[in-house]
PDB file of N, CA and C in Angstrom:
ATOM      1  N   UNK A   1     -25.098 -12.999   0.047  1.00  0.00           N
ATOM      2  CA  UNK A   1     -24.367 -14.226   0.275  1.00  0.00           C
ATOM      3  C   UNK A   1     -24.113 -14.361   1.784  1.00  0.00           C
ATOM      4  N   UNK A   2     -24.386 -15.520   2.321  1.00  0.00           N
ATOM      5  CA  UNK A   2     -24.192 -15.739   3.750  1.00  0.00           C
ATOM      6  C   UNK A   2     -22.697 -15.856   4.070  1.00  0.00           C
ATOM      7  N   UNK A   3     -22.381 -15.710   5.333  1.00  0.00           N
ATOM      8  CA  UNK A   3     -20.991 -15.827   5.765  1.00  0.00           C
ATOM      9  C   UNK A   3     -20.447 -17.216   5.441  1.00  0.00           C
ATOM     10  N   UNK A   4     -21.254 -18.233   5.661  1.00  0.00           N
ATOM     11  CA  UNK A   4     -20.826 -19.599   5.339  1.00  0.00           C
ATOM     12  C   UNK A   4     -20.518 -19.723   3.845  1.00  0.00           C
ATOM     13  N   UNK A   5     -21.356 -19.148   3.005  1.00  0.00           N
ATOM     14  CA  UNK A   5     -21.119 -19.186   1.560  1.00  0.00           C
ATOM     15  C   UNK A   5     -19.840 -18.442   1.190  1.00  0.00           C
ATOM     16  N   UNK A   6     -19.592 -17.318   1.840  1.00  0.00           N
ATOM     17  CA  UNK A   6     -18.365 -16.566   1.578  1.00  0.00           C
ATOM     18  C   UNK A   6     -17.134 -17.388   1.948  1.00  0.00           C
ATOM     19  N   UNK A   7     -17.191 -18.042   3.090  1.00  0.00           N
ATOM     20  CA  UNK A   7     -16.070 -18.871   3.537  1.00  0.00           C
ATOM     21  C   UNK A   7     -15.861 -20.032   2.589  1.00  0.00           C
ATOM     22  N   UNK A   8     -16.937 -20.697   2.198  1.00  0.00           N
ATOM     23  CA  UNK A   8     -16.830 -21.802   1.246  1.00  0.00           C
ATOM     24  C   UNK A   8     -16.193 -21.342  -0.054  1.00  0.00           C
ATOM     25  N   UNK A   9     -16.573 -20.161  -0.496  1.00  0.00           N
ATOM     26  CA  UNK A   9     -16.021 -19.604  -1.732  1.00  0.00           C
ATOM     27  C   UNK A   9     -14.524 -19.334  -1.591  1.00  0.00           C
ATOM     28  N   UNK A  10     -14.124 -18.774  -0.476  1.00  0.00           N
ATOM     29  CA  UNK A  10     -12.706 -18.501  -0.228  1.00  0.00           C
ATOM     30  C   UNK A  10     -11.909 -19.799  -0.180  1.00  0.00           C
ATOM     31  N   UNK A  11     -12.432 -20.789   0.513  1.00  0.00           N
ATOM     32  CA  UNK A  11     -11.725 -22.058   0.625  1.00  0.00           C
ATOM     33  C   UNK A  11     -11.628 -22.783  -0.717  1.00  0.00           C
ATOM     34  N   UNK A  12     -12.637 -22.627  -1.539  1.00  0.00           N
ATOM     35  CA  UNK A  12     -12.647 -23.295  -2.835  1.00  0.00           C
ATOM     36  C   UNK A  12     -11.712 -22.622  -3.842  1.00  0.00           C
ATOM     37  N   UNK A  13     -11.512 -21.315  -3.701  1.00  0.00           N
ATOM     38  CA  UNK A  13     -10.730 -20.587  -4.708  1.00  0.00           C
ATOM     39  C   UNK A  13      -9.921 -19.470  -4.049  1.00  0.00           C
ATOM     40  N   UNK A  14      -9.020 -19.850  -3.158  1.00  0.00           N
ATOM     41  CA  UNK A  14      -8.245 -18.871  -2.409  1.00  0.00           C
ATOM     42  C   UNK A  14      -7.398 -17.986  -3.323  1.00  0.00           C
ATOM     43  N   UNK A  15      -6.949 -18.510  -4.433  1.00  0.00           N
ATOM     44  CA  UNK A  15      -6.060 -17.767  -5.331  1.00  0.00           C
ATOM     45  C   UNK A  15      -6.718 -16.513  -5.910  1.00  0.00           C
ATOM     46  N   UNK A  16      -8.033 -16.439  -5.887  1.00  0.00           N
ATOM     47  CA  UNK A  16      -8.740 -15.288  -6.458  1.00  0.00           C
ATOM     48  C   UNK A  16      -9.432 -14.426  -5.403  1.00  0.00           C
ATOM     49  N   UNK A  17      -8.913 -14.479  -4.191  1.00  0.00           N
ATOM     50  CA  UNK A  17      -9.482 -13.712  -3.090  1.00  0.00           C
ATOM     51  C   UNK A  17      -8.520 -12.574  -2.752  1.00  0.00           C
ATOM     52  N   UNK A  18      -9.057 -11.411  -2.506  1.00  0.00           N
ATOM     53  CA  UNK A  18      -8.204 -10.293  -2.084  1.00  0.00           C
ATOM     54  C   UNK A  18      -7.954 -10.391  -0.582  1.00  0.00           C
ATOM     55  N   UNK A  19      -6.868  -9.810  -0.153  1.00  0.00           N
ATOM     56  CA  UNK A  19      -6.575  -9.824   1.280  1.00  0.00           C
ATOM     57  C   UNK A  19      -7.659  -9.076   2.054  1.00  0.00           C
ATOM     58  N   UNK A  20      -8.191  -8.032   1.447  1.00  0.00           N
ATOM     59  CA  UNK A  20      -9.242  -7.250   2.102  1.00  0.00           C
ATOM     60  C   UNK A  20     -10.494  -8.110   2.342  1.00  0.00           C
ATOM     61  N   UNK A  21     -10.880  -8.873   1.352  1.00  0.00           N
ATOM     62  CA  UNK A  21     -12.041  -9.756   1.492  1.00  0.00           C
ATOM     63  C   UNK A  21     -11.787 -10.786   2.587  1.00  0.00           C
ATOM     64  N   UNK A  22     -10.594 -11.355   2.600  1.00  0.00           N
ATOM     65  CA  UNK A  22     -10.245 -12.354   3.596  1.00  0.00           C
ATOM     66  C   UNK A  22     -10.308 -11.749   5.004  1.00  0.00           C
ATOM     67  N   UNK A  23      -9.762 -10.553   5.154  1.00  0.00           N
ATOM     68  CA  UNK A  23      -9.756  -9.887   6.459  1.00  0.00           C
ATOM     69  C   UNK A  23     -11.183  -9.547   6.908  1.00  0.00           C
ATOM     70  N   UNK A  24     -12.026  -9.142   5.986  1.00  0.00           N
ATOM     71  CA  UNK A  24     -13.423  -8.867   6.327  1.00  0.00           C
ATOM     72  C   UNK A  24     -14.094 -10.117   6.892  1.00  0.00           C
ATOM     73  N   UNK A  25     -13.821 -11.259   6.288  1.00  0.00           N
ATOM     74  CA  UNK A  25     -14.398 -12.514   6.774  1.00  0.00           C
ATOM     75  C   UNK A  25     -13.844 -12.838   8.161  1.00  0.00           C
ATOM     76  N   UNK A  26     -12.532 -12.681   8.339  1.00  0.00           N
ATOM     77  CA  UNK A  26     -11.949 -12.931   9.663  1.00  0.00           C
ATOM     78  C   UNK A  26     -12.577 -12.036  10.723  1.00  0.00           C
ATOM     79  N   UNK A  27     -12.770 -10.778  10.390  1.00  0.00           N
ATOM     80  CA  UNK A  27     -13.401  -9.862  11.346  1.00  0.00           C
ATOM     81  C   UNK A  27     -14.838 -10.262  11.646  1.00  0.00           C
ATOM     82  N   UNK A  28     -15.505 -10.875  10.679  1.00  0.00           N
ATOM     83  CA  UNK A  28     -16.893 -11.320  10.886  1.00  0.00           C
ATOM     84  C   UNK A  28     -16.981 -12.535  11.803  1.00  0.00           C
ATOM     85  N   UNK A  29     -15.980 -13.408  11.727  1.00  0.00           N
ATOM     86  CA  UNK A  29     -16.035 -14.626  12.536  1.00  0.00           C
ATOM     87  C   UNK A  29     -15.359 -14.458  13.896  1.00  0.00           C
ATOM     88  N   UNK A  30     -14.555 -13.434  14.041  1.00  0.00           N
ATOM     89  CA  UNK A  30     -13.790 -13.217  15.275  1.00  0.00           C
ATOM     90  C   UNK A  30     -14.658 -13.242  16.532  1.00  0.00           C
ATOM     91  N   UNK A  31     -15.822 -12.610  16.558  1.00  0.00           N
ATOM     92  CA  UNK A  31     -16.632 -12.630  17.791  1.00  0.00           C
ATOM     93  C   UNK A  31     -17.152 -14.024  18.174  1.00  0.00           C
ATOM     94  N   UNK A  32     -17.135 -14.962  17.242  1.00  0.00           N
ATOM     95  CA  UNK A  32     -17.656 -16.296  17.533  1.00  0.00           C
ATOM     96  C   UNK A  32     -16.657 -17.191  18.257  1.00  0.00           C
ATOM     97  N   UNK A  33     -15.404 -16.774  18.301  1.00  0.00           N
ATOM     98  CA  UNK A  33     -14.422 -17.549  19.044  1.00  0.00           C
ATOM     99  C   UNK A  33     -14.578 -17.225  20.526  1.00  0.00           C
ATOM    100  N   UNK A  34     -14.642 -18.252  21.352  1.00  0.00           N
ATOM    101  CA  UNK A  34     -14.947 -18.076  22.767  1.00  0.00           C
ATOM    102  C   UNK A  34     -13.718 -17.748  23.604  1.00  0.00           C
ATOM    103  N   UNK A  35     -12.549 -18.077  23.116  1.00  0.00           N
ATOM    104  CA  UNK A  35     -11.324 -17.855  23.863  1.00  0.00           C
ATOM    105  C   UNK A  35     -10.769 -16.466  23.532  1.00  0.00           C
ATOM    106  N   UNK A  36     -10.646 -15.625  24.545  1.00  0.00           N
ATOM    107  CA  UNK A  36     -10.151 -14.261  24.333  1.00  0.00           C
ATOM    108  C   UNK A  36      -8.725 -14.241  23.794  1.00  0.00           C
ATOM    109  N   UNK A  37      -7.908 -15.207  24.192  1.00  0.00           N
ATOM    110  CA  UNK A  37      -6.534 -15.260  23.675  1.00  0.00           C
ATOM    111  C   UNK A  37      -6.530 -15.499  22.169  1.00  0.00           C
ATOM    112  N   UNK A  38      -7.443 -16.341  21.705  1.00  0.00           N
ATOM    113  CA  UNK A  38      -7.555 -16.602  20.274  1.00  0.00           C
ATOM    114  C   UNK A  38      -7.973 -15.340  19.534  1.00  0.00           C
ATOM    115  N   UNK A  39      -8.930 -14.640  20.080  1.00  0.00           N
ATOM    116  CA  UNK A  39      -9.410 -13.401  19.459  1.00  0.00           C
ATOM    117  C   UNK A  39      -8.292 -12.363  19.430  1.00  0.00           C
ATOM    118  N   UNK A  40      -7.569 -12.217  20.522  1.00  0.00           N
ATOM    119  CA  UNK A  40      -6.468 -11.252  20.573  1.00  0.00           C
ATOM    120  C   UNK A  40      -5.360 -11.618  19.583  1.00  0.00           C
ATOM    121  N   UNK A  41      -5.046 -12.895  19.494  1.00  0.00           N
ATOM    122  CA  UNK A  41      -4.031 -13.351  18.549  1.00  0.00           C
ATOM    123  C   UNK A  41      -4.465 -13.024  17.124  1.00  0.00           C
ATOM    124  N   UNK A  42      -5.713 -13.329  16.821  1.00  0.00           N
ATOM    125  CA  UNK A  42      -6.248 -13.072  15.488  1.00  0.00           C
ATOM    126  C   UNK A  42      -6.248 -11.573  15.181  1.00  0.00           C
ATOM    127  N   UNK A  43      -6.601 -10.760  16.145  1.00  0.00           N
ATOM    128  CA  UNK A  43      -6.561  -9.304  15.955  1.00  0.00           C
ATOM    129  C   UNK A  43      -5.142  -8.832  15.640  1.00  0.00           C
ATOM    130  N   UNK A  44      -4.159  -9.389  16.336  1.00  0.00           N
ATOM    131  CA  UNK A  44      -2.762  -9.044  16.084  1.00  0.00           C
ATOM    132  C   UNK A  44      -2.327  -9.438  14.682  1.00  0.00           C
ATOM    133  N   UNK A  45      -2.739 -10.618  14.249  1.00  0.00           N
ATOM    134  CA  UNK A  45      -2.397 -11.079  12.899  1.00  0.00           C
ATOM    135  C   UNK A  45      -3.063 -10.210  11.842  1.00  0.00           C
ATOM    136  N   UNK A  46      -4.302  -9.833  12.076  1.00  0.00           N
ATOM    137  CA  UNK A  46      -5.016  -8.969  11.131  1.00  0.00           C
ATOM    138  C   UNK A  46      -4.317  -7.613  11.040  1.00  0.00           C
ATOM    139  N   UNK A  47      -3.903  -7.076  12.179  1.00  0.00           N
ATOM    140  CA  UNK A  47      -3.195  -5.796  12.173  1.00  0.00           C
ATOM    141  C   UNK A  47      -1.878  -5.904  11.415  1.00  0.00           C
ATOM    142  N   UNK A  48      -1.173  -7.003  11.628  1.00  0.00           N
ATOM    143  CA  UNK A  48       0.095  -7.225  10.927  1.00  0.00           C
ATOM    144  C   UNK A  48      -0.137  -7.261   9.414  1.00  0.00           C
ATOM    145  N   UNK A  49      -1.175  -7.939   8.991  1.00  0.00           N
ATOM    146  CA  UNK A  49      -1.495  -8.016   7.562  1.00  0.00           C
ATOM    147  C   UNK A  49      -1.844  -6.633   7.027  1.00  0.00           C
ATOM    148  N   UNK A  50      -2.629  -5.876   7.771  1.00  0.00           N
ATOM    149  CA  UNK A  50      -3.008  -4.527   7.342  1.00  0.00           C
ATOM    150  C   UNK A  50      -1.800  -3.605   7.199  1.00  0.00           C
ATOM    151  N   UNK A  51      -0.762  -3.849   7.981  1.00  0.00           N
ATOM    152  CA  UNK A  51       0.437  -3.013   7.945  1.00  0.00           C
ATOM    153  C   UNK A  51       1.344  -3.312   6.751  1.00  0.00           C
ATOM    154  N   UNK A  52       1.131  -4.442   6.100  1.00  0.00           N
ATOM    155  CA  UNK A  52       1.947  -4.830   4.945  1.00  0.00           C
ATOM    156  C   UNK A  52       1.435  -4.096   3.711  1.00  0.00           C
ATOM    157  N   UNK A  53       2.346  -3.591   2.902  1.00  0.00           N
ATOM    158  CA  UNK A  53       1.920  -2.848   1.707  1.00  0.00           C
ATOM    159  C   UNK A  53       1.824  -3.729   0.461  1.00  0.00           C
ATOM    160  N   UNK A  54       2.556  -4.831   0.413  1.00  0.00           N
ATOM    161  CA  UNK A  54       2.575  -5.709  -0.755  1.00  0.00           C
ATOM    162  C   UNK A  54       1.424  -6.725  -0.699  1.00  0.00           C
ATOM    163  N   UNK A  55       0.553  -6.703  -1.705  1.00  0.00           N
ATOM    164  CA  UNK A  55      -0.619  -7.586  -1.722  1.00  0.00           C
ATOM    165  C   UNK A  55      -0.217  -9.060  -1.722  1.00  0.00           C
ATOM    166  N   UNK A  56       0.842  -9.411  -2.422  1.00  0.00           N
ATOM    167  CA  UNK A  56       1.276 -10.818  -2.442  1.00  0.00           C
ATOM    168  C   UNK A  56       1.688 -11.283  -1.051  1.00  0.00           C
ATOM    169  N   UNK A  57       2.402 -10.447  -0.332  1.00  0.00           N
ATOM    170  CA  UNK A  57       2.807 -10.790   1.025  1.00  0.00           C
ATOM    171  C   UNK A  57       1.590 -10.865   1.951  1.00  0.00           C
ATOM    172  N   UNK A  58       0.637  -9.975   1.755  1.00  0.00           N
ATOM    173  CA  UNK A  58      -0.597 -10.027   2.541  1.00  0.00           C
ATOM    174  C   UNK A  58      -1.298 -11.371   2.349  1.00  0.00           C
ATOM    175  N   UNK A  59      -1.363 -11.825   1.098  1.00  0.00           N
ATOM    176  CA  UNK A  59      -2.040 -13.092   0.817  1.00  0.00           C
ATOM    177  C   UNK A  59      -1.296 -14.285   1.411  1.00  0.00           C
ATOM    178  N   UNK A  60       0.022 -14.198   1.455  1.00  0.00           N
ATOM    179  CA  UNK A  60       0.800 -15.262   2.095  1.00  0.00           C
ATOM    180  C   UNK A  60       0.435 -15.333   3.574  1.00  0.00           C
ATOM    181  N   UNK A  61       0.342 -14.172   4.208  1.00  0.00           N
ATOM    182  CA  UNK A  61      -0.033 -14.128   5.621  1.00  0.00           C
ATOM    183  C   UNK A  61      -1.477 -14.590   5.836  1.00  0.00           C
ATOM    184  N   UNK A  62      -2.366 -14.228   4.917  1.00  0.00           N
ATOM    185  CA  UNK A  62      -3.771 -14.655   5.009  1.00  0.00           C
ATOM    186  C   UNK A  62      -3.885 -16.166   4.891  1.00  0.00           C
ATOM    187  N   UNK A  63      -3.107 -16.738   3.997  1.00  0.00           N
ATOM    188  CA  UNK A  63      -3.177 -18.187   3.769  1.00  0.00           C
ATOM    189  C   UNK A  63      -2.868 -18.956   5.057  1.00  0.00           C
ATOM    190  N   UNK A  64      -1.983 -18.401   5.863  1.00  0.00           N
ATOM    191  CA  UNK A  64      -1.636 -19.047   7.128  1.00  0.00           C
ATOM    192  C   UNK A  64      -2.805 -19.040   8.115  1.00  0.00           C
ATOM    193  N   UNK A  65      -3.806 -18.203   7.867  1.00  0.00           N
ATOM    194  CA  UNK A  65      -4.950 -18.087   8.776  1.00  0.00           C
ATOM    195  C   UNK A  65      -6.176 -18.866   8.297  1.00  0.00           C
ATOM    196  N   UNK A  66      -6.038 -19.611   7.224  1.00  0.00           N
ATOM    197  CA  UNK A  66      -7.153 -20.417   6.703  1.00  0.00           C
ATOM    198  C   UNK A  66      -7.723 -21.366   7.765  1.00  0.00           C
ATOM    199  N   UNK A  67      -6.907 -21.955   8.647  1.00  0.00           N
ATOM    200  CA  UNK A  67      -7.496 -22.839   9.663  1.00  0.00           C
ATOM    201  C   UNK A  67      -8.597 -22.189  10.500  1.00  0.00           C
ATOM    202  N   UNK A  68      -8.539 -20.868  10.670  1.00  0.00           N
ATOM    203  CA  UNK A  68      -9.601 -20.190  11.415  1.00  0.00           C
ATOM    204  C   UNK A  68     -10.936 -20.305  10.691  1.00  0.00           C
ATOM    205  N   UNK A  69     -10.905 -20.268   9.374  1.00  0.00           N
ATOM    206  CA  UNK A  69     -12.139 -20.450   8.608  1.00  0.00           C
ATOM    207  C   UNK A  69     -12.662 -21.873   8.773  1.00  0.00           C
ATOM    208  N   UNK A  70     -11.746 -22.839   8.727  1.00  0.00           N
ATOM    209  CA  UNK A  70     -12.145 -24.237   8.916  1.00  0.00           C
ATOM    210  C   UNK A  70     -12.757 -24.449  10.301  1.00  0.00           C
ATOM    211  N   UNK A  71     -12.124 -23.879  11.330  1.00  0.00           N
ATOM    212  CA  UNK A  71     -12.637 -24.016  12.683  1.00  0.00           C
ATOM    213  C   UNK A  71     -14.025 -23.406  12.811  1.00  0.00           C
ATOM    214  N   UNK A  72     -14.215 -22.281  12.177  1.00  0.00           N
ATOM    215  CA  UNK A  72     -15.519 -21.633  12.217  1.00  0.00           C
ATOM    216  C   UNK A  72     -16.576 -22.538  11.578  1.00  0.00           C
ATOM    217  N   UNK A  73     -16.262 -23.096  10.429  1.00  0.00           N
ATOM    218  CA  UNK A  73     -17.223 -23.973   9.743  1.00  0.00           C
ATOM    219  C   UNK A  73     -17.525 -25.229  10.553  1.00  0.00           C
ATOM    220  N   UNK A  74     -16.553 -25.740  11.249  1.00  0.00           N
ATOM    221  CA  UNK A  74     -16.778 -26.950  12.048  1.00  0.00           C
ATOM    222  C   UNK A  74     -17.747 -26.676  13.196  1.00  0.00           C
ATOM    223  N   UNK A  75     -17.823 -25.432  13.622  1.00  0.00           N
ATOM    224  CA  UNK A  75     -18.718 -25.083  14.717  1.00  0.00           C
ATOM    225  C   UNK A  75     -20.157 -24.851  14.261  1.00  0.00           C
ATOM    226  N   UNK A  76     -20.395 -24.815  12.952  1.00  0.00           N
ATOM    227  CA  UNK A  76     -21.755 -24.560  12.452  1.00  0.00           C
ATOM    228  C   UNK A  76     -22.610 -25.801  12.523  1.00  0.00           C
TER     229      UNK A  76
END
């Protein structure tokens, strides 16, 4: 499955995505952002999510990062 297909799948059915899968996608798209501040911010958010032990809370934090997936798709 291509990265675009994975993102489309996540956006279509976020409720059935694990935080780990979401973070893997974020890590895959991170190098495509041209602004280093954006990449650093995203890395910090990913680390914060990884530090959380509750999966529900992780998903709440992941949901706030959905715009990064949209931005990535707009650049394709």
